[in-house]
Amino acid sequence: MVCAVGGLDWRIEFHPKASDPSLYGSNDWIMFRVRLISKGSGGVAASFCCRLVDPSPPRDSPEENIRSSMFYENRSLDVLLIRWSDLASPRCRKLKDDCIFVQCALTVLEAKDAAAASDAVASVPSSDLHQQLGELLRSQKGADVTFIIAGESVAAHRSVLAARSPVFMAQLFGDMKEKASTCVEINDMEVEVFRTLLYFVYTDTVPELDQKGEQATLMAQHLLEAADRYGLERLKRIYVEKVCTGISVGTVATTLALAEQHGCSELKSRCMKFIVATPENLHAVAATGGYKHLEASCPSVLTELLKLMAKGNK
């Protein structure tokens, strides 16, 4: 959700399967993230509080986690609220009808409080690991594997790739032939897609797409496919959302085929609802080249579309 606090725009995100950076491999946390999204803003001190509220009276005192930070444009702050294992415990009464109630409070501090918060934050510098790893990728220092994509060479570091992707782990340290090779050829992928995937692997962020309109959606489709291919679930989810926002007559058929092939049920549902929303949509989509691709690659989806249309006409 997006909200305005202190004259600035903020986005609060819910992450149901987050990891604790201090516990390797743990993704058992419910997490909330707040991000400053106002353009050109910086040096703003704010605190973010999340409270897990007991939905049934008499209510216990709420469990809360509060964090403060200095914010700059696109800077985020994470609050780990509770483990799923703790939430499922019989002693925890915070889960009701498979729902939890969370109260979030975002406070932008005034100048005197901001100065105190700034001093407190300055004592523990924020992590710049993503910047350091991004520089490692850019400089290629210590690179020990080279990927060949469409005739272009891209250097990387085996250990970084393996730590982030189970597929790279199997390729580079398992029993596959790539383990003994310093050069790995990748087919059926554009070099720009692979470079963007590597950027995410090293920095856990994605760059803005250079393309616009339907070309941006097409690139997002390629990146979704690449993310699924290498087992990068967070990256896959990012581009599922981007592809969702780009659904149009010209893209919906290829997007539907992609959703079917890569197990994206929510994206598939959005596409099908768009197609059958109006007769005009259906006729326009059926005239596209993407629809012919859908017929050839996913004929069972057409049967599902017919059933959805019949249900809507009842």
C-alpha atoms as a PDB file:
ATOM      1  CA  MET A   1       0.000   0.000   0.000  1.00  0.00           C
ATOM      2  CA  VAL A   2       1.075   3.597  -0.633  1.00  0.00           C
ATOM      3  CA  CYS A   3       0.497   6.310   1.962  1.00  0.00           C
ATOM      4  CA  ALA A   4       1.479   9.933   2.578  1.00  0.00           C
ATOM      5  CA  VAL A   5       3.168  10.785   5.897  1.00  0.00           C
ATOM      6  CA  GLY A   6       5.002  13.999   6.712  1.00  0.00           C
ATOM      7  CA  GLY A   7       4.388  15.359   3.214  1.00  0.00           C
ATOM      8  CA  LEU A   8       6.191  12.390   1.628  1.00  0.00           C
ATOM      9  CA  ASP A   9       5.019   9.260  -0.178  1.00  0.00           C
ATOM     10  CA  TRP A  10       5.822   5.871   1.342  1.00  0.00           C
ATOM     11  CA  ARG A  11       5.105   2.285   0.327  1.00  0.00           C
ATOM     12  CA  ILE A  12       4.451  -0.409   2.938  1.00  0.00           C
ATOM     13  CA  GLU A  13       4.947  -3.980   1.709  1.00  0.00           C
ATOM     14  CA  PHE A  14       3.908  -7.302   3.251  1.00  0.00           C
ATOM     15  CA  HIS A  15       6.313 -10.238   2.830  1.00  0.00           C
ATOM     16  CA  PRO A  16       4.848 -13.491   4.197  1.00  0.00           C
ATOM     17  CA  LYS A  17       7.977 -15.627   3.666  1.00  0.00           C
ATOM     18  CA  ALA A  18      10.927 -13.452   4.598  1.00  0.00           C
ATOM     19  CA  SER A  19      14.323 -14.545   5.851  1.00  0.00           C
ATOM     20  CA  ASP A  20      16.321 -13.460   8.868  1.00  0.00           C
ATOM     21  CA  PRO A  21      19.771 -12.402   7.567  1.00  0.00           C
ATOM     22  CA  SER A  22      21.343 -13.699  10.778  1.00  0.00           C
ATOM     23  CA  LEU A  23      19.938 -17.199  10.196  1.00  0.00           C
ATOM     24  CA  TYR A  24      21.176 -18.776   6.954  1.00  0.00           C
ATOM     25  CA  GLY A  25      18.403 -20.415   4.982  1.00  0.00           C
ATOM     26  CA  SER A  26      15.602 -19.276   7.315  1.00  0.00           C
ATOM     27  CA  ASN A  27      12.507 -17.970   5.532  1.00  0.00           C
ATOM     28  CA  ASP A  28      10.026 -18.499   8.339  1.00  0.00           C
ATOM     29  CA  TRP A  29       9.320 -14.846   9.104  1.00  0.00           C
ATOM     30  CA  ILE A  30       6.387 -12.523   8.476  1.00  0.00           C
ATOM     31  CA  MET A  31       7.981  -9.214   7.502  1.00  0.00           C
ATOM     32  CA  PHE A  32       6.837  -5.685   6.733  1.00  0.00           C
ATOM     33  CA  ARG A  33       8.944  -3.280   4.666  1.00  0.00           C
ATOM     34  CA  VAL A  34       8.571   0.487   4.416  1.00  0.00           C
ATOM     35  CA  ARG A  35      10.152   2.374   1.513  1.00  0.00           C
ATOM     36  CA  LEU A  36      10.434   6.127   0.840  1.00  0.00           C
ATOM     37  CA  ILE A  37       9.258   6.604  -2.759  1.00  0.00           C
ATOM     38  CA  SER A  38       9.039  10.402  -3.068  1.00  0.00           C
ATOM     39  CA  LYS A  39      11.388  11.619  -5.796  1.00  0.00           C
ATOM     40  CA  GLY A  40      14.378  13.731  -4.790  1.00  0.00           C
ATOM     41  CA  SER A  41      13.818  13.261  -1.064  1.00  0.00           C
ATOM     42  CA  GLY A  42      16.520  12.469   1.429  1.00  0.00           C
ATOM     43  CA  GLY A  43      17.762  12.872   4.948  1.00  0.00           C
ATOM     44  CA  VAL A  44      14.356  12.082   6.462  1.00  0.00           C
ATOM     45  CA  ALA A  45      14.309  10.424   9.889  1.00  0.00           C
ATOM     46  CA  ALA A  46      11.360   8.135  10.527  1.00  0.00           C
ATOM     47  CA  SER A  47      10.324   5.265  12.758  1.00  0.00           C
ATOM     48  CA  PHE A  48       8.259   2.292  11.635  1.00  0.00           C
ATOM     49  CA  CYS A  49       6.275   0.240  14.144  1.00  0.00           C
ATOM     50  CA  CYS A  50       4.428  -3.033  13.524  1.00  0.00           C
ATOM     51  CA  ARG A  51       2.092  -4.481  16.146  1.00  0.00           C
ATOM     52  CA  LEU A  52       0.559  -7.945  16.067  1.00  0.00           C
ATOM     53  CA  VAL A  53      -2.883  -7.471  17.623  1.00  0.00           C
ATOM     54  CA  ASP A  54      -4.953 -10.122  19.394  1.00  0.00           C
ATOM     55  CA  PRO A  55      -8.255 -10.198  17.443  1.00  0.00           C
ATOM     56  CA  SER A  56     -10.306 -11.642  20.302  1.00  0.00           C
ATOM     57  CA  PRO A  57     -11.143  -9.957  23.602  1.00  0.00           C
ATOM     58  CA  PRO A  58      -9.766  -9.806  26.197  1.00  0.00           C
ATOM     59  CA  ARG A  59      -6.843  -8.531  24.174  1.00  0.00           C
ATOM     60  CA  ASP A  60      -3.304  -9.085  25.330  1.00  0.00           C
ATOM     61  CA  SER A  61      -0.815  -6.273  25.149  1.00  0.00           C
ATOM     62  CA  PRO A  62       0.243  -6.193  21.493  1.00  0.00           C
ATOM     63  CA  GLU A  63       3.585  -7.587  20.431  1.00  0.00           C
ATOM     64  CA  GLU A  64       5.423  -4.862  18.578  1.00  0.00           C
ATOM     65  CA  ASN A  65       8.666  -4.256  16.752  1.00  0.00           C
ATOM     66  CA  ILE A  66       9.894  -0.709  16.184  1.00  0.00           C
ATOM     67  CA  ARG A  67      12.803   0.402  14.006  1.00  0.00           C
ATOM     68  CA  SER A  68      14.080   3.871  13.145  1.00  0.00           C
ATOM     69  CA  SER A  69      16.293   4.978  10.286  1.00  0.00           C
ATOM     70  CA  MET A  70      17.376   7.850   8.078  1.00  0.00           C
ATOM     71  CA  PHE A  71      15.603   7.549   4.731  1.00  0.00           C
ATOM     72  CA  TYR A  72      16.613   8.623   1.246  1.00  0.00           C
ATOM     73  CA  GLU A  73      14.799   8.092  -2.031  1.00  0.00           C
ATOM     74  CA  ASN A  74      14.045   4.378  -2.518  1.00  0.00           C
ATOM     75  CA  ARG A  75      15.648   3.473   0.826  1.00  0.00           C
ATOM     76  CA  SER A  76      13.757   0.737   2.682  1.00  0.00           C
ATOM     77  CA  LEU A  77      13.576  -0.575   6.230  1.00  0.00           C
ATOM     78  CA  ASP A  78      12.487  -4.089   7.221  1.00  0.00           C
ATOM     79  CA  VAL A  79      10.682  -5.191  10.385  1.00  0.00           C
ATOM     80  CA  LEU A  80      10.589  -8.918  11.175  1.00  0.00           C
ATOM     81  CA  LEU A  81       7.297  -9.357  13.035  1.00  0.00           C
ATOM     82  CA  ILE A  82       6.901 -13.016  14.012  1.00  0.00           C
ATOM     83  CA  ARG A  83       7.915 -16.497  12.879  1.00  0.00           C
ATOM     84  CA  TRP A  84       5.263 -18.660  11.275  1.00  0.00           C
ATOM     85  CA  SER A  85       6.267 -21.460  13.630  1.00  0.00           C
ATOM     86  CA  ASP A  86       5.612 -19.201  16.635  1.00  0.00           C
ATOM     87  CA  LEU A  87       2.336 -17.979  15.144  1.00  0.00           C
ATOM     88  CA  ALA A  88       1.131 -21.569  14.749  1.00  0.00           C
ATOM     89  CA  SER A  89       1.949 -22.412  18.364  1.00  0.00           C
ATOM     90  CA  PRO A  90      -1.088 -23.259  20.549  1.00  0.00           C
ATOM     91  CA  ARG A  91       0.113 -20.626  23.008  1.00  0.00           C
ATOM     92  CA  CYS A  92      -0.233 -17.876  20.407  1.00  0.00           C
ATOM     93  CA  ARG A  93      -3.747 -16.443  20.129  1.00  0.00           C
ATOM     94  CA  LYS A  94      -2.956 -14.003  17.332  1.00  0.00           C
ATOM     95  CA  LEU A  95      -4.160 -16.265  14.498  1.00  0.00           C
ATOM     96  CA  LYS A  96      -7.923 -16.364  13.944  1.00  0.00           C
ATOM     97  CA  ASP A  97      -9.698 -17.919  10.939  1.00  0.00           C
ATOM     98  CA  ASP A  98      -6.303 -18.100   9.190  1.00  0.00           C
ATOM     99  CA  CYS A  99      -5.966 -14.312   9.527  1.00  0.00           C
ATOM    100  CA  ILE A 100      -3.741 -12.039  11.562  1.00  0.00           C
ATOM    101  CA  PHE A 101      -4.351  -8.422  12.520  1.00  0.00           C
ATOM    102  CA  VAL A 102      -1.368  -6.112  12.194  1.00  0.00           C
ATOM    103  CA  GLN A 103      -1.258  -2.426  13.055  1.00  0.00           C
ATOM    104  CA  CYS A 104       1.481  -0.417  11.340  1.00  0.00           C
ATOM    105  CA  ALA A 105       2.522   3.083  12.379  1.00  0.00           C
ATOM    106  CA  LEU A 106       4.928   5.257  10.400  1.00  0.00           C
ATOM    107  CA  THR A 107       6.188   8.399  12.122  1.00  0.00           C
ATOM    108  CA  VAL A 108       8.288  11.101  10.447  1.00  0.00           C
ATOM    109  CA  LEU A 109      10.364  12.715  13.181  1.00  0.00           C
ATOM    110  CA  GLU A 110      10.666  16.451  13.741  1.00  0.00           C
ATOM    111  CA  ALA A 111      14.020  18.209  13.510  1.00  0.00           C
ATOM    112  CA  LYS A 112      15.086  17.730  17.150  1.00  0.00           C
ATOM    113  CA  ASP A 113      13.988  14.083  17.157  1.00  0.00           C
ATOM    114  CA  ALA A 114      15.521  13.556  13.713  1.00  0.00           C
ATOM    115  CA  ALA A 115      18.893  14.762  14.998  1.00  0.00           C
ATOM    116  CA  ALA A 116      18.761  12.250  17.834  1.00  0.00           C
ATOM    117  CA  ALA A 117      17.666   9.485  15.469  1.00  0.00           C
ATOM    118  CA  SER A 118      20.417  10.440  13.039  1.00  0.00           C
ATOM    119  CA  ASP A 119      23.023  10.142  15.798  1.00  0.00           C
ATOM    120  CA  ALA A 120      21.632   6.769  16.829  1.00  0.00           C
ATOM    121  CA  VAL A 121      21.538   5.471  13.276  1.00  0.00           C
ATOM    122  CA  ALA A 122      25.016   6.797  12.519  1.00  0.00           C
ATOM    123  CA  SER A 123      26.457   4.553  15.221  1.00  0.00           C
ATOM    124  CA  VAL A 124      25.395   1.483  13.216  1.00  0.00           C
ATOM    125  CA  PRO A 125      25.917   2.101   9.477  1.00  0.00           C
ATOM    126  CA  SER A 126      23.340   0.584   7.163  1.00  0.00           C
ATOM    127  CA  SER A 127      24.399  -2.412   5.142  1.00  0.00           C
ATOM    128  CA  ASP A 128      26.054  -1.671   1.819  1.00  0.00           C
ATOM    129  CA  LEU A 129      26.619  -5.323   0.927  1.00  0.00           C
ATOM    130  CA  HIS A 130      24.481  -5.002  -2.203  1.00  0.00           C
ATOM    131  CA  GLN A 131      26.616  -2.077  -3.395  1.00  0.00           C
ATOM    132  CA  GLN A 132      29.843  -3.963  -2.726  1.00  0.00           C
ATOM    133  CA  LEU A 133      28.638  -7.052  -4.572  1.00  0.00           C
ATOM    134  CA  GLY A 134      27.356  -4.866  -7.398  1.00  0.00           C
ATOM    135  CA  GLU A 135      30.829  -3.357  -7.724  1.00  0.00           C
ATOM    136  CA  LEU A 136      32.310  -6.868  -7.695  1.00  0.00           C
ATOM    137  CA  LEU A 137      30.079  -7.782 -10.637  1.00  0.00           C
ATOM    138  CA  ARG A 138      30.948  -4.574 -12.474  1.00  0.00           C
ATOM    139  CA  SER A 139      34.716  -4.882 -11.956  1.00  0.00           C
ATOM    140  CA  GLN A 140      34.781  -8.656 -12.620  1.00  0.00           C
ATOM    141  CA  LYS A 141      37.688  -8.959 -10.158  1.00  0.00           C
ATOM    142  CA  GLY A 142      38.200 -12.560  -9.127  1.00  0.00           C
ATOM    143  CA  ALA A 143      35.668 -13.833 -11.673  1.00  0.00           C
ATOM    144  CA  ASP A 144      36.114 -17.563 -12.193  1.00  0.00           C
ATOM    145  CA  VAL A 145      33.415 -18.469 -14.710  1.00  0.00           C
ATOM    146  CA  THR A 146      32.411 -16.972 -18.058  1.00  0.00           C
ATOM    147  CA  PHE A 147      28.996 -17.335 -19.651  1.00  0.00           C
ATOM    148  CA  ILE A 148      28.578 -17.129 -23.425  1.00  0.00           C
ATOM    149  CA  ILE A 149      25.184 -15.764 -24.491  1.00  0.00           C
ATOM    150  CA  ALA A 150      24.489 -14.979 -28.148  1.00  0.00           C
ATOM    151  CA  GLY A 151      28.225 -14.638 -28.793  1.00  0.00           C
ATOM    152  CA  GLU A 152      28.860 -12.243 -25.877  1.00  0.00           C
ATOM    153  CA  SER A 153      30.951 -13.083 -22.799  1.00  0.00           C
ATOM    154  CA  VAL A 154      29.731 -12.317 -19.266  1.00  0.00           C
ATOM    155  CA  ALA A 155      32.083 -12.970 -16.331  1.00  0.00           C
ATOM    156  CA  ALA A 156      30.845 -13.897 -12.855  1.00  0.00           C
ATOM    157  CA  HIS A 157      31.789 -15.586  -9.573  1.00  0.00           C
ATOM    158  CA  ARG A 158      30.766 -19.202  -8.971  1.00  0.00           C
ATOM    159  CA  SER A 159      30.298 -18.903  -5.215  1.00  0.00           C
ATOM    160  CA  VAL A 160      28.018 -15.864  -5.463  1.00  0.00           C
ATOM    161  CA  LEU A 161      25.848 -17.521  -8.101  1.00  0.00           C
ATOM    162  CA  ALA A 162      25.637 -20.806  -6.198  1.00  0.00           C
ATOM    163  CA  ALA A 163      24.722 -19.069  -2.938  1.00  0.00           C
ATOM    164  CA  ARG A 164      21.765 -17.364  -4.610  1.00  0.00           C
ATOM    165  CA  SER A 165      20.438 -19.962  -7.043  1.00  0.00           C
ATOM    166  CA  PRO A 166      19.926 -23.719  -6.562  1.00  0.00           C
ATOM    167  CA  VAL A 167      20.251 -24.168 -10.308  1.00  0.00           C
ATOM    168  CA  PHE A 168      23.635 -22.427 -10.422  1.00  0.00           C
ATOM    169  CA  MET A 169      24.654 -24.513  -7.389  1.00  0.00           C
ATOM    170  CA  ALA A 170      23.837 -27.720  -9.272  1.00  0.00           C
ATOM    171  CA  GLN A 171      25.513 -26.511 -12.474  1.00  0.00           C
ATOM    172  CA  LEU A 172      28.715 -25.177 -10.972  1.00  0.00           C
ATOM    173  CA  PHE A 173      29.261 -27.414  -7.938  1.00  0.00           C
ATOM    174  CA  GLY A 174      27.170 -30.508  -8.651  1.00  0.00           C
ATOM    175  CA  ASP A 175      27.560 -33.382 -11.073  1.00  0.00           C
ATOM    176  CA  MET A 176      26.717 -31.422 -14.214  1.00  0.00           C
ATOM    177  CA  LYS A 177      29.333 -30.914 -16.915  1.00  0.00           C
ATOM    178  CA  GLU A 178      29.625 -27.169 -16.179  1.00  0.00           C
ATOM    179  CA  LYS A 179      31.380 -27.990 -12.868  1.00  0.00           C
ATOM    180  CA  ALA A 180      34.680 -28.679 -14.616  1.00  0.00           C
ATOM    181  CA  SER A 181      34.396 -25.850 -17.145  1.00  0.00           C
ATOM    182  CA  THR A 182      35.355 -22.198 -16.820  1.00  0.00           C
ATOM    183  CA  CYS A 183      33.135 -21.346 -19.784  1.00  0.00           C
ATOM    184  CA  VAL A 184      29.386 -22.044 -19.856  1.00  0.00           C
ATOM    185  CA  GLU A 185      27.213 -21.509 -22.928  1.00  0.00           C
ATOM    186  CA  ILE A 186      23.592 -20.434 -22.420  1.00  0.00           C
ATOM    187  CA  ASN A 187      21.070 -20.856 -25.200  1.00  0.00           C
ATOM    188  CA  ASP A 188      17.563 -19.425 -25.647  1.00  0.00           C
ATOM    189  CA  MET A 189      18.229 -16.251 -23.664  1.00  0.00           C
ATOM    190  CA  GLU A 190      19.084 -12.671 -24.590  1.00  0.00           C
ATOM    191  CA  VAL A 191      22.279 -11.269 -23.119  1.00  0.00           C
ATOM    192  CA  GLU A 192      20.390  -8.273 -21.666  1.00  0.00           C
ATOM    193  CA  VAL A 193      18.089 -10.658 -19.808  1.00  0.00           C
ATOM    194  CA  PHE A 194      21.030 -12.594 -18.367  1.00  0.00           C
ATOM    195  CA  ARG A 195      22.850  -9.415 -17.317  1.00  0.00           C
ATOM    196  CA  THR A 196      19.718  -8.209 -15.513  1.00  0.00           C
ATOM    197  CA  LEU A 197      19.394 -11.582 -13.804  1.00  0.00           C
ATOM    198  CA  LEU A 198      23.025 -11.378 -12.642  1.00  0.00           C
ATOM    199  CA  TYR A 199      22.468  -7.841 -11.376  1.00  0.00           C
ATOM    200  CA  PHE A 200      19.666  -9.154  -9.179  1.00  0.00           C
ATOM    201  CA  VAL A 201      21.762 -12.110  -8.001  1.00  0.00           C
ATOM    202  CA  TYR A 202      24.505  -9.756  -6.792  1.00  0.00           C
ATOM    203  CA  THR A 203      22.450  -6.808  -5.490  1.00  0.00           C
ATOM    204  CA  ASP A 204      18.975  -8.253  -4.712  1.00  0.00           C
ATOM    205  CA  THR A 205      17.507  -5.326  -6.672  1.00  0.00           C
ATOM    206  CA  VAL A 206      16.333  -4.874 -10.249  1.00  0.00           C
ATOM    207  CA  PRO A 207      17.199  -1.969 -12.564  1.00  0.00           C
ATOM    208  CA  GLU A 208      14.590   0.097 -14.347  1.00  0.00           C
ATOM    209  CA  LEU A 209      13.760  -1.336 -17.762  1.00  0.00           C
ATOM    210  CA  ASP A 210      14.912   0.726 -20.731  1.00  0.00           C
ATOM    211  CA  GLN A 211      11.924  -0.400 -22.780  1.00  0.00           C
ATOM    212  CA  LYS A 212       8.482   1.195 -22.641  1.00  0.00           C
ATOM    213  CA  GLY A 213       4.935  -0.041 -23.230  1.00  0.00           C
ATOM    214  CA  GLU A 214       4.523  -3.498 -24.723  1.00  0.00           C
ATOM    215  CA  GLN A 215       8.290  -3.829 -25.225  1.00  0.00           C
ATOM    216  CA  ALA A 216       8.739  -3.423 -21.462  1.00  0.00           C
ATOM    217  CA  THR A 217       6.143  -6.138 -20.873  1.00  0.00           C
ATOM    218  CA  LEU A 218       7.936  -8.413 -23.328  1.00  0.00           C
ATOM    219  CA  MET A 219      11.234  -7.887 -21.490  1.00  0.00           C
ATOM    220  CA  ALA A 220       9.491  -8.543 -18.156  1.00  0.00           C
ATOM    221  CA  GLN A 221       8.145 -11.807 -19.619  1.00  0.00           C
ATOM    222  CA  HIS A 222      11.684 -12.882 -20.550  1.00  0.00           C
ATOM    223  CA  LEU A 223      12.942 -12.004 -17.063  1.00  0.00           C
ATOM    224  CA  LEU A 224      10.110 -13.920 -15.398  1.00  0.00           C
ATOM    225  CA  GLU A 225      11.019 -16.952 -17.496  1.00  0.00           C
ATOM    226  CA  ALA A 226      14.718 -16.589 -16.627  1.00  0.00           C
ATOM    227  CA  ALA A 227      13.951 -16.207 -12.912  1.00  0.00           C
ATOM    228  CA  ASP A 228      11.930 -19.422 -12.942  1.00  0.00           C
ATOM    229  CA  ARG A 229      14.638 -21.204 -14.903  1.00  0.00           C
ATOM    230  CA  TYR A 230      17.235 -20.412 -12.214  1.00  0.00           C
ATOM    231  CA  GLY A 231      15.002 -20.839  -9.176  1.00  0.00           C
ATOM    232  CA  LEU A 232      14.998 -17.159  -8.161  1.00  0.00           C
ATOM    233  CA  GLU A 233      11.568 -16.947  -6.560  1.00  0.00           C
ATOM    234  CA  ARG A 234      11.766 -13.319  -5.415  1.00  0.00           C
ATOM    235  CA  LEU A 235      12.845 -12.154  -8.866  1.00  0.00           C
ATOM    236  CA  LYS A 236      10.079 -14.229 -10.415  1.00  0.00           C
ATOM    237  CA  ARG A 237       7.509 -12.566  -8.169  1.00  0.00           C
ATOM    238  CA  ILE A 238       8.826  -9.104  -9.009  1.00  0.00           C
ATOM    239  CA  TYR A 239       8.327  -9.705 -12.724  1.00  0.00           C
ATOM    240  CA  VAL A 240       4.970 -11.435 -12.257  1.00  0.00           C
ATOM    241  CA  GLU A 241       3.781  -8.115 -10.830  1.00  0.00           C
ATOM    242  CA  LYS A 242       5.379  -6.121 -13.655  1.00  0.00           C
ATOM    243  CA  VAL A 243       3.843  -8.384 -16.305  1.00  0.00           C
ATOM    244  CA  CYS A 244       0.452  -8.076 -14.575  1.00  0.00           C
ATOM    245  CA  THR A 245       0.544  -4.300 -14.916  1.00  0.00           C
ATOM    246  CA  GLY A 246       1.340  -4.616 -18.628  1.00  0.00           C
ATOM    247  CA  ILE A 247      -1.578  -6.843 -19.622  1.00  0.00           C
ATOM    248  CA  SER A 248      -3.148  -5.554 -22.845  1.00  0.00           C
ATOM    249  CA  VAL A 249      -4.746  -6.895 -26.012  1.00  0.00           C
ATOM    250  CA  GLY A 250      -1.307  -7.175 -27.591  1.00  0.00           C
ATOM    251  CA  THR A 251       0.394  -8.980 -24.684  1.00  0.00           C
ATOM    252  CA  VAL A 252      -2.261 -10.996 -22.875  1.00  0.00           C
ATOM    253  CA  ALA A 253      -2.086 -14.164 -25.005  1.00  0.00           C
ATOM    254  CA  THR A 254       1.687 -14.586 -24.704  1.00  0.00           C
ATOM    255  CA  THR A 255       1.452 -13.686 -21.019  1.00  0.00           C
ATOM    256  CA  LEU A 256      -1.213 -16.359 -20.507  1.00  0.00           C
ATOM    257  CA  ALA A 257       0.977 -18.977 -22.186  1.00  0.00           C
ATOM    258  CA  LEU A 258       3.900 -17.912 -20.003  1.00  0.00           C
ATOM    259  CA  ALA A 259       1.780 -18.101 -16.839  1.00  0.00           C
ATOM    260  CA  GLU A 260       0.600 -21.601 -17.731  1.00  0.00           C
ATOM    261  CA  GLN A 261       4.104 -22.867 -18.495  1.00  0.00           C
ATOM    262  CA  HIS A 262       5.693 -21.421 -15.343  1.00  0.00           C
ATOM    263  CA  GLY A 263       2.998 -22.096 -12.771  1.00  0.00           C
ATOM    264  CA  CYS A 264       1.875 -18.496 -12.191  1.00  0.00           C
ATOM    265  CA  SER A 265      -1.742 -19.108 -11.190  1.00  0.00           C
ATOM    266  CA  GLU A 266      -2.546 -15.527 -10.188  1.00  0.00           C
ATOM    267  CA  LEU A 267      -1.152 -14.148 -13.446  1.00  0.00           C
ATOM    268  CA  LYS A 268      -3.054 -16.788 -15.413  1.00  0.00           C
ATOM    269  CA  SER A 269      -6.321 -15.827 -13.722  1.00  0.00           C
ATOM    270  CA  ARG A 270      -5.760 -12.124 -14.473  1.00  0.00           C
ATOM    271  CA  CYS A 271      -5.134 -12.876 -18.147  1.00  0.00           C
ATOM    272  CA  MET A 272      -8.202 -15.065 -18.556  1.00  0.00           C
ATOM    273  CA  LYS A 273     -10.466 -12.522 -16.873  1.00  0.00           C
ATOM    274  CA  PHE A 274      -9.100  -9.798 -19.179  1.00  0.00           C
ATOM    275  CA  ILE A 275      -9.760 -11.869 -22.308  1.00  0.00           C
ATOM    276  CA  VAL A 276     -13.376 -12.736 -21.460  1.00  0.00           C
ATOM    277  CA  ALA A 277     -14.216  -9.368 -19.882  1.00  0.00           C
ATOM    278  CA  THR A 278     -15.913  -8.160 -23.086  1.00  0.00           C
ATOM    279  CA  PRO A 279     -16.629  -9.638 -26.538  1.00  0.00           C
ATOM    280  CA  GLU A 280     -14.433  -6.875 -27.980  1.00  0.00           C
ATOM    281  CA  ASN A 281     -11.476  -8.038 -25.900  1.00  0.00           C
ATOM    282  CA  LEU A 282     -11.963 -11.645 -26.983  1.00  0.00           C
ATOM    283  CA  HIS A 283     -12.180 -10.819 -30.700  1.00  0.00           C
ATOM    284  CA  ALA A 284      -9.190  -8.459 -30.567  1.00  0.00           C
ATOM    285  CA  VAL A 285      -7.011 -10.967 -28.698  1.00  0.00           C
ATOM    286  CA  ALA A 286      -7.998 -13.806 -31.057  1.00  0.00           C
ATOM    287  CA  ALA A 287      -6.651 -11.755 -33.973  1.00  0.00           C
ATOM    288  CA  THR A 288      -3.150 -11.431 -32.491  1.00  0.00           C
ATOM    289  CA  GLY A 289      -0.109 -13.540 -33.242  1.00  0.00           C
ATOM    290  CA  GLY A 290       0.193 -14.251 -29.539  1.00  0.00           C
ATOM    291  CA  TYR A 291      -3.162 -16.054 -29.600  1.00  0.00           C
ATOM    292  CA  LYS A 292      -1.899 -18.393 -32.318  1.00  0.00           C
ATOM    293  CA  HIS A 293       1.123 -19.115 -30.113  1.00  0.00           C
ATOM    294  CA  LEU A 294      -1.254 -19.846 -27.222  1.00  0.00           C
ATOM    295  CA  GLU A 295      -3.268 -22.262 -29.377  1.00  0.00           C
ATOM    296  CA  ALA A 296      -0.133 -24.157 -30.359  1.00  0.00           C
ATOM    297  CA  SER A 297       1.631 -24.239 -26.993  1.00  0.00           C
ATOM    298  CA  CYS A 298      -1.215 -24.442 -24.448  1.00  0.00           C
ATOM    299  CA  PRO A 299      -4.385 -25.826 -26.085  1.00  0.00           C
ATOM    300  CA  SER A 300      -5.827 -26.857 -22.704  1.00  0.00           C
ATOM    301  CA  VAL A 301      -5.983 -23.194 -21.702  1.00  0.00           C
ATOM    302  CA  LEU A 302      -8.436 -22.532 -24.538  1.00  0.00           C
ATOM    303  CA  THR A 303     -10.766 -25.135 -23.019  1.00  0.00           C
ATOM    304  CA  GLU A 304     -10.537 -23.305 -19.696  1.00  0.00           C
ATOM    305  CA  LEU A 305     -11.344 -20.036 -21.462  1.00  0.00           C
ATOM    306  CA  LEU A 306     -14.459 -21.552 -23.038  1.00  0.00           C
ATOM    307  CA  LYS A 307     -15.624 -22.802 -19.638  1.00  0.00           C
ATOM    308  CA  LEU A 308     -15.034 -19.375 -18.119  1.00  0.00           C
ATOM    309  CA  MET A 309     -17.010 -17.727 -20.930  1.00  0.00           C
ATOM    310  CA  ALA A 310     -19.875 -20.193 -20.506  1.00  0.00           C
ATOM    311  CA  LYS A 311     -19.939 -19.553 -16.768  1.00  0.00           C
ATOM    312  CA  GLY A 312     -20.068 -15.802 -17.365  1.00  0.00           C
ATOM    313  CA  ASN A 313     -22.999 -16.145 -19.789  1.00  0.00           C
ATOM    314  CA  LYS A 314     -25.197 -18.019 -17.318  1.00  0.00           C
END
